[in-house]
Amino acid sequence: MGGLAVTTRNLSRSYVRGGRTIEVLREINLRLEPASFTVLTGPSGAGKSTLLHLLGTLDRPTAGEILYDTLPAPDKKDRELAAFRREKIGFIFQFHHLLPEFSALENVLMPTWIAGKDREDKEWARTLLEEVGLGERLDHKPSELSGGEQQRVAVARALVMKPALLLADEPTGNLDSHTGLEVFTLLQTLSGRFQMTCLVTTHNDALAKKADRHIAMDDGQIR
């Protein structure tokens, strides 16, 4: 692995609803250093998720640009953009979105299967599940796992393609405080071990204080 430097320049995102323009992000200038661990906080509606979606190439800005190291993401063909996203970026969301009919190991392997990679990735997936403390639960389906264990599977799934950038949108928001702290600490540990650039959103100020860097957002801007 190895972290990406991510730079935004006057990044803006607006939507037109009911005939009026709603500005969600307004001229965001931000730099994430390679292999850094940053927490982003702010009230609901501040624009945190929108920013993560733009950085993850799930959405496109209305204005401004995003550079990964020194280059923009591919923008001419959706297939090229999807390949960039698959190879460079890992996602973790508040809800784990595991496939209920598949085991923990199979859920972790799913991105590699979608990418058409060889089955040899199974050992790496096993290693990741061991790293998140689920080495003995490889064959368990989501219904047989606790909420915290399911989110740990989601963490392993996000890492299976060895991303350079990890984006986690409220990964502890659906967990109790103790389990949330465990998952947050796990993200910090794995981010450092694999030298990923990591950006995590949270409403939990106590967790934010544990990060290398804390950024606050409000009303579509960085404060």
Protein backbone atom coordinates (compact mmCIF):
# COMPACT_ATOMS: atom_id res chain seq x y z
CA MET A 1 0.00 0.00 0.00
CA GLY A 2 1.07 3.61 0.34
CA GLY A 3 -0.98 6.73 0.92
CA LEU A 4 -2.13 9.24 -1.65
CA ALA A 5 -1.77 12.96 -1.18
CA VAL A 6 -5.18 14.51 -1.81
CA THR A 7 -5.60 18.20 -2.60
CA THR A 8 -8.78 20.14 -3.29
CA ARG A 9 -8.82 23.56 -4.89
CA ASN A 10 -11.92 25.74 -4.55
CA LEU A 11 -14.05 22.60 -4.49
CA SER A 12 -17.77 23.35 -4.68
CA ARG A 13 -20.93 21.29 -5.07
CA SER A 14 -24.42 22.63 -5.57
CA TYR A 15 -27.77 21.14 -6.53
CA VAL A 16 -30.84 22.62 -8.15
CA ARG A 17 -34.06 21.74 -6.34
CA GLY A 18 -37.44 23.25 -6.86
CA GLY A 19 -35.97 25.89 -9.14
CA ARG A 20 -33.41 27.12 -6.62
CA THR A 21 -29.72 26.39 -6.18
CA ILE A 22 -28.58 24.82 -2.92
CA GLU A 23 -24.89 25.18 -2.18
CA VAL A 24 -23.70 22.12 -0.24
CA LEU A 25 -19.95 22.75 -0.46
CA ARG A 26 -18.38 26.16 -0.99
CA GLU A 27 -14.79 26.55 -2.18
CA ILE A 28 -13.18 23.84 -0.07
CA ASN A 29 -9.39 24.05 -0.01
CA LEU A 30 -7.92 21.04 1.72
CA ARG A 31 -4.82 18.86 1.64
CA LEU A 32 -4.53 15.37 3.08
CA GLU A 33 -0.91 14.33 3.44
CA PRO A 34 0.11 10.80 2.42
CA ALA A 35 -0.47 8.23 5.17
CA SER A 36 -2.20 10.79 7.40
CA PHE A 37 -5.23 10.06 9.63
CA THR A 38 -7.74 12.92 9.64
CA VAL A 39 -11.12 13.23 11.31
CA LEU A 40 -13.82 15.52 9.90
CA THR A 41 -16.60 16.72 12.21
CA GLY A 42 -19.59 18.96 11.83
CA PRO A 43 -23.36 19.02 12.32
CA SER A 44 -25.74 17.14 10.06
CA GLY A 45 -26.03 18.96 6.76
CA ALA A 46 -22.57 20.51 7.04
CA GLY A 47 -21.45 18.77 3.83
CA LYS A 48 -19.23 16.03 5.28
CA SER A 49 -20.72 13.14 3.32
CA THR A 50 -20.82 15.20 0.13
CA LEU A 51 -17.11 15.94 0.51
CA LEU A 52 -16.32 12.26 0.99
CA HIS A 53 -18.39 11.34 -2.06
CA LEU A 54 -16.45 13.84 -4.15
CA LEU A 55 -13.07 12.67 -2.84
CA GLY A 56 -14.14 9.09 -3.53
CA THR A 57 -15.18 9.97 -7.12
CA LEU A 58 -18.75 8.83 -6.39
CA ASP A 59 -19.90 12.33 -7.34
CA ARG A 60 -18.43 15.19 -9.35
CA PRO A 61 -17.93 18.78 -8.25
CA THR A 62 -19.83 21.72 -9.65
CA ALA A 63 -16.60 23.73 -9.58
CA GLY A 64 -13.00 23.34 -8.48
CA GLU A 65 -10.76 20.30 -8.70
CA ILE A 66 -9.33 17.35 -6.78
CA LEU A 67 -5.77 16.15 -7.25
CA TYR A 68 -4.53 12.71 -6.22
CA ASP A 69 -0.82 13.16 -5.67
CA THR A 70 -0.45 15.68 -8.50
CA LEU A 71 -2.95 14.29 -10.99
CA PRO A 72 -6.74 14.51 -11.33
CA ALA A 73 -8.86 11.37 -11.41
CA PRO A 74 -9.77 10.08 -14.89
CA ASP A 75 -12.80 11.98 -16.15
CA LYS A 76 -13.31 10.95 -19.76
CA LYS A 77 -14.66 7.44 -19.40
CA ASP A 78 -16.77 6.04 -16.61
CA ARG A 79 -14.95 2.72 -16.92
CA GLU A 80 -11.58 4.38 -16.29
CA LEU A 81 -12.99 6.26 -13.31
CA ALA A 82 -14.46 3.07 -11.87
CA ALA A 83 -11.11 1.33 -12.24
CA PHE A 84 -9.34 4.21 -10.48
CA ARG A 85 -11.86 4.11 -7.64
CA ARG A 86 -11.62 0.33 -7.31
CA GLU A 87 -7.82 0.27 -7.26
CA LYS A 88 -7.08 3.39 -5.20
CA ILE A 89 -9.98 4.05 -2.82
CA GLY A 90 -11.61 2.07 -0.03
CA PHE A 91 -14.98 2.98 1.51
CA ILE A 92 -16.54 2.31 4.90
CA PHE A 93 -20.04 3.54 5.69
CA GLN A 94 -22.18 3.86 8.81
CA PHE A 95 -24.13 0.78 7.78
CA HIS A 96 -21.93 -2.14 6.83
CA HIS A 97 -23.94 -3.23 3.74
CA LEU A 98 -22.80 -6.85 3.99
CA LEU A 99 -24.48 -9.41 1.75
CA PRO A 100 -26.48 -11.62 4.12
CA GLU A 101 -26.20 -14.85 2.13
CA PHE A 102 -22.39 -14.78 2.06
CA SER A 103 -19.87 -15.56 4.79
CA ALA A 104 -17.54 -13.00 6.33
CA LEU A 105 -14.71 -14.23 4.11
CA GLU A 106 -16.86 -14.11 0.98
CA ASN A 107 -18.04 -10.58 1.81
CA VAL A 108 -14.44 -9.42 2.15
CA LEU A 109 -13.54 -11.08 -1.15
CA MET A 110 -16.48 -9.56 -3.03
CA PRO A 111 -14.56 -6.50 -4.38
CA THR A 112 -11.84 -8.79 -5.78
CA TRP A 113 -14.41 -10.97 -7.51
CA ILE A 114 -16.11 -7.91 -9.01
CA ALA A 115 -12.70 -6.78 -10.26
CA GLY A 116 -12.17 -10.19 -11.88
CA LYS A 117 -9.11 -10.97 -9.78
CA ASP A 118 -7.81 -14.46 -9.13
CA ARG A 119 -8.96 -16.53 -6.18
CA GLU A 120 -5.44 -16.26 -4.73
CA ASP A 121 -6.66 -13.16 -2.88
CA LYS A 122 -8.30 -15.49 -0.37
CA GLU A 123 -5.16 -15.62 1.79
CA TRP A 124 -5.00 -11.83 1.93
CA ALA A 125 -8.69 -11.69 2.90
CA ARG A 126 -8.04 -14.24 5.65
CA THR A 127 -5.13 -12.16 6.90
CA LEU A 128 -7.30 -9.04 7.02
CA LEU A 129 -10.02 -10.81 8.97
CA GLU A 130 -7.37 -11.99 11.41
CA GLU A 131 -6.12 -8.39 11.67
CA VAL A 132 -9.60 -7.20 12.66
CA GLY A 133 -9.98 -10.00 15.20
CA LEU A 134 -12.27 -12.30 13.22
CA GLY A 135 -9.84 -15.07 12.25
CA GLU A 136 -12.10 -17.62 13.91
CA ARG A 137 -15.28 -16.39 12.25
CA LEU A 138 -14.43 -16.61 8.57
CA ASP A 139 -17.41 -18.81 7.71
CA HIS A 140 -19.98 -16.93 9.79
CA LYS A 141 -22.72 -15.07 7.95
CA PRO A 142 -23.64 -11.51 8.97
CA SER A 143 -26.66 -12.68 10.97
CA GLU A 144 -24.27 -14.70 13.15
CA LEU A 145 -22.09 -11.67 13.94
CA SER A 146 -22.60 -8.74 16.30
CA GLY A 147 -22.91 -5.19 14.99
CA GLY A 148 -19.29 -4.46 15.83
CA GLU A 149 -18.13 -7.66 14.16
CA GLN A 150 -20.11 -6.84 11.04
CA GLN A 151 -18.45 -3.43 10.87
CA ARG A 152 -15.04 -5.12 11.28
CA VAL A 153 -15.88 -7.25 8.25
CA ALA A 154 -16.70 -4.02 6.39
CA VAL A 155 -13.30 -2.64 7.40
CA ALA A 156 -11.55 -5.73 6.04
CA ARG A 157 -13.59 -5.51 2.83
CA ALA A 158 -12.52 -1.88 2.37
CA LEU A 159 -8.87 -2.91 2.62
CA VAL A 160 -8.89 -6.01 0.46
CA MET A 161 -7.96 -4.11 -2.73
CA LYS A 162 -5.07 -2.42 -0.85
CA PRO A 163 -6.32 1.17 -1.30
CA ALA A 164 -4.10 4.21 -1.00
CA LEU A 165 -7.03 6.32 0.26
CA LEU A 166 -9.56 5.13 2.85
CA LEU A 167 -12.77 7.13 3.30
CA ALA A 168 -14.97 6.26 6.29
CA ASP A 169 -18.34 8.01 6.62
CA GLU A 170 -19.62 7.75 10.22
CA PRO A 171 -18.19 4.21 10.62
CA THR A 172 -19.02 4.21 14.35
CA GLY A 173 -22.37 6.01 14.11
CA ASN A 174 -24.44 2.83 14.35
CA LEU A 175 -22.45 1.33 17.25
CA ASP A 176 -22.49 1.75 21.02
CA SER A 177 -19.73 3.94 22.45
CA HIS A 178 -17.47 1.07 23.54
CA THR A 179 -17.70 -0.79 20.23
CA GLY A 180 -17.39 2.48 18.32
CA LEU A 181 -14.13 3.24 20.10
CA GLU A 182 -12.84 -0.25 19.26
CA VAL A 183 -13.64 0.19 15.55
CA PHE A 184 -12.15 3.70 15.49
CA THR A 185 -8.95 2.50 17.16
CA LEU A 186 -8.80 -0.38 14.70
CA LEU A 187 -9.01 2.07 11.78
CA GLN A 188 -6.20 4.14 13.23
CA THR A 189 -4.02 1.08 13.76
CA LEU A 190 -4.57 -0.36 10.29
CA SER A 191 -4.20 3.03 8.63
CA GLY A 192 -0.78 3.42 10.20
CA ARG A 193 0.29 -0.15 9.53
CA PHE A 194 -0.63 -0.05 5.86
CA GLN A 195 0.36 3.61 5.37
CA MET A 196 -2.99 4.66 3.93
CA THR A 197 -4.30 8.18 3.77
CA CYS A 198 -7.46 8.05 5.88
CA LEU A 199 -10.35 10.51 6.28
CA VAL A 200 -13.08 9.68 8.81
CA THR A 201 -16.27 11.63 9.49
CA THR A 202 -17.87 11.49 12.92
CA HIS A 203 -20.15 13.40 15.27
CA ASN A 204 -18.08 12.15 18.21
CA ASP A 205 -15.75 14.91 19.41
CA ALA A 206 -14.02 12.52 21.83
CA LEU A 207 -12.95 10.33 18.90
CA ALA A 208 -11.87 13.37 16.90
CA LYS A 209 -9.39 14.30 19.62
CA LYS A 210 -7.59 10.98 19.05
CA ALA A 211 -6.82 11.72 15.39
CA ASP A 212 -3.59 13.10 13.95
CA ARG A 213 -5.62 15.99 12.57
CA HIS A 214 -9.12 17.30 13.25
CA ILE A 215 -11.02 19.39 10.70
CA ALA A 216 -14.39 21.00 11.47
CA MET A 217 -17.03 21.77 8.83
CA ASP A 218 -20.14 23.90 8.99
CA ASP A 219 -22.48 25.21 6.33
CA GLY A 220 -20.44 23.73 3.48
CA GLN A 221 -17.13 25.23 4.53
CA ILE A 222 -14.09 24.24 6.55
CA ARG A 223 -13.81 26.27 9.74
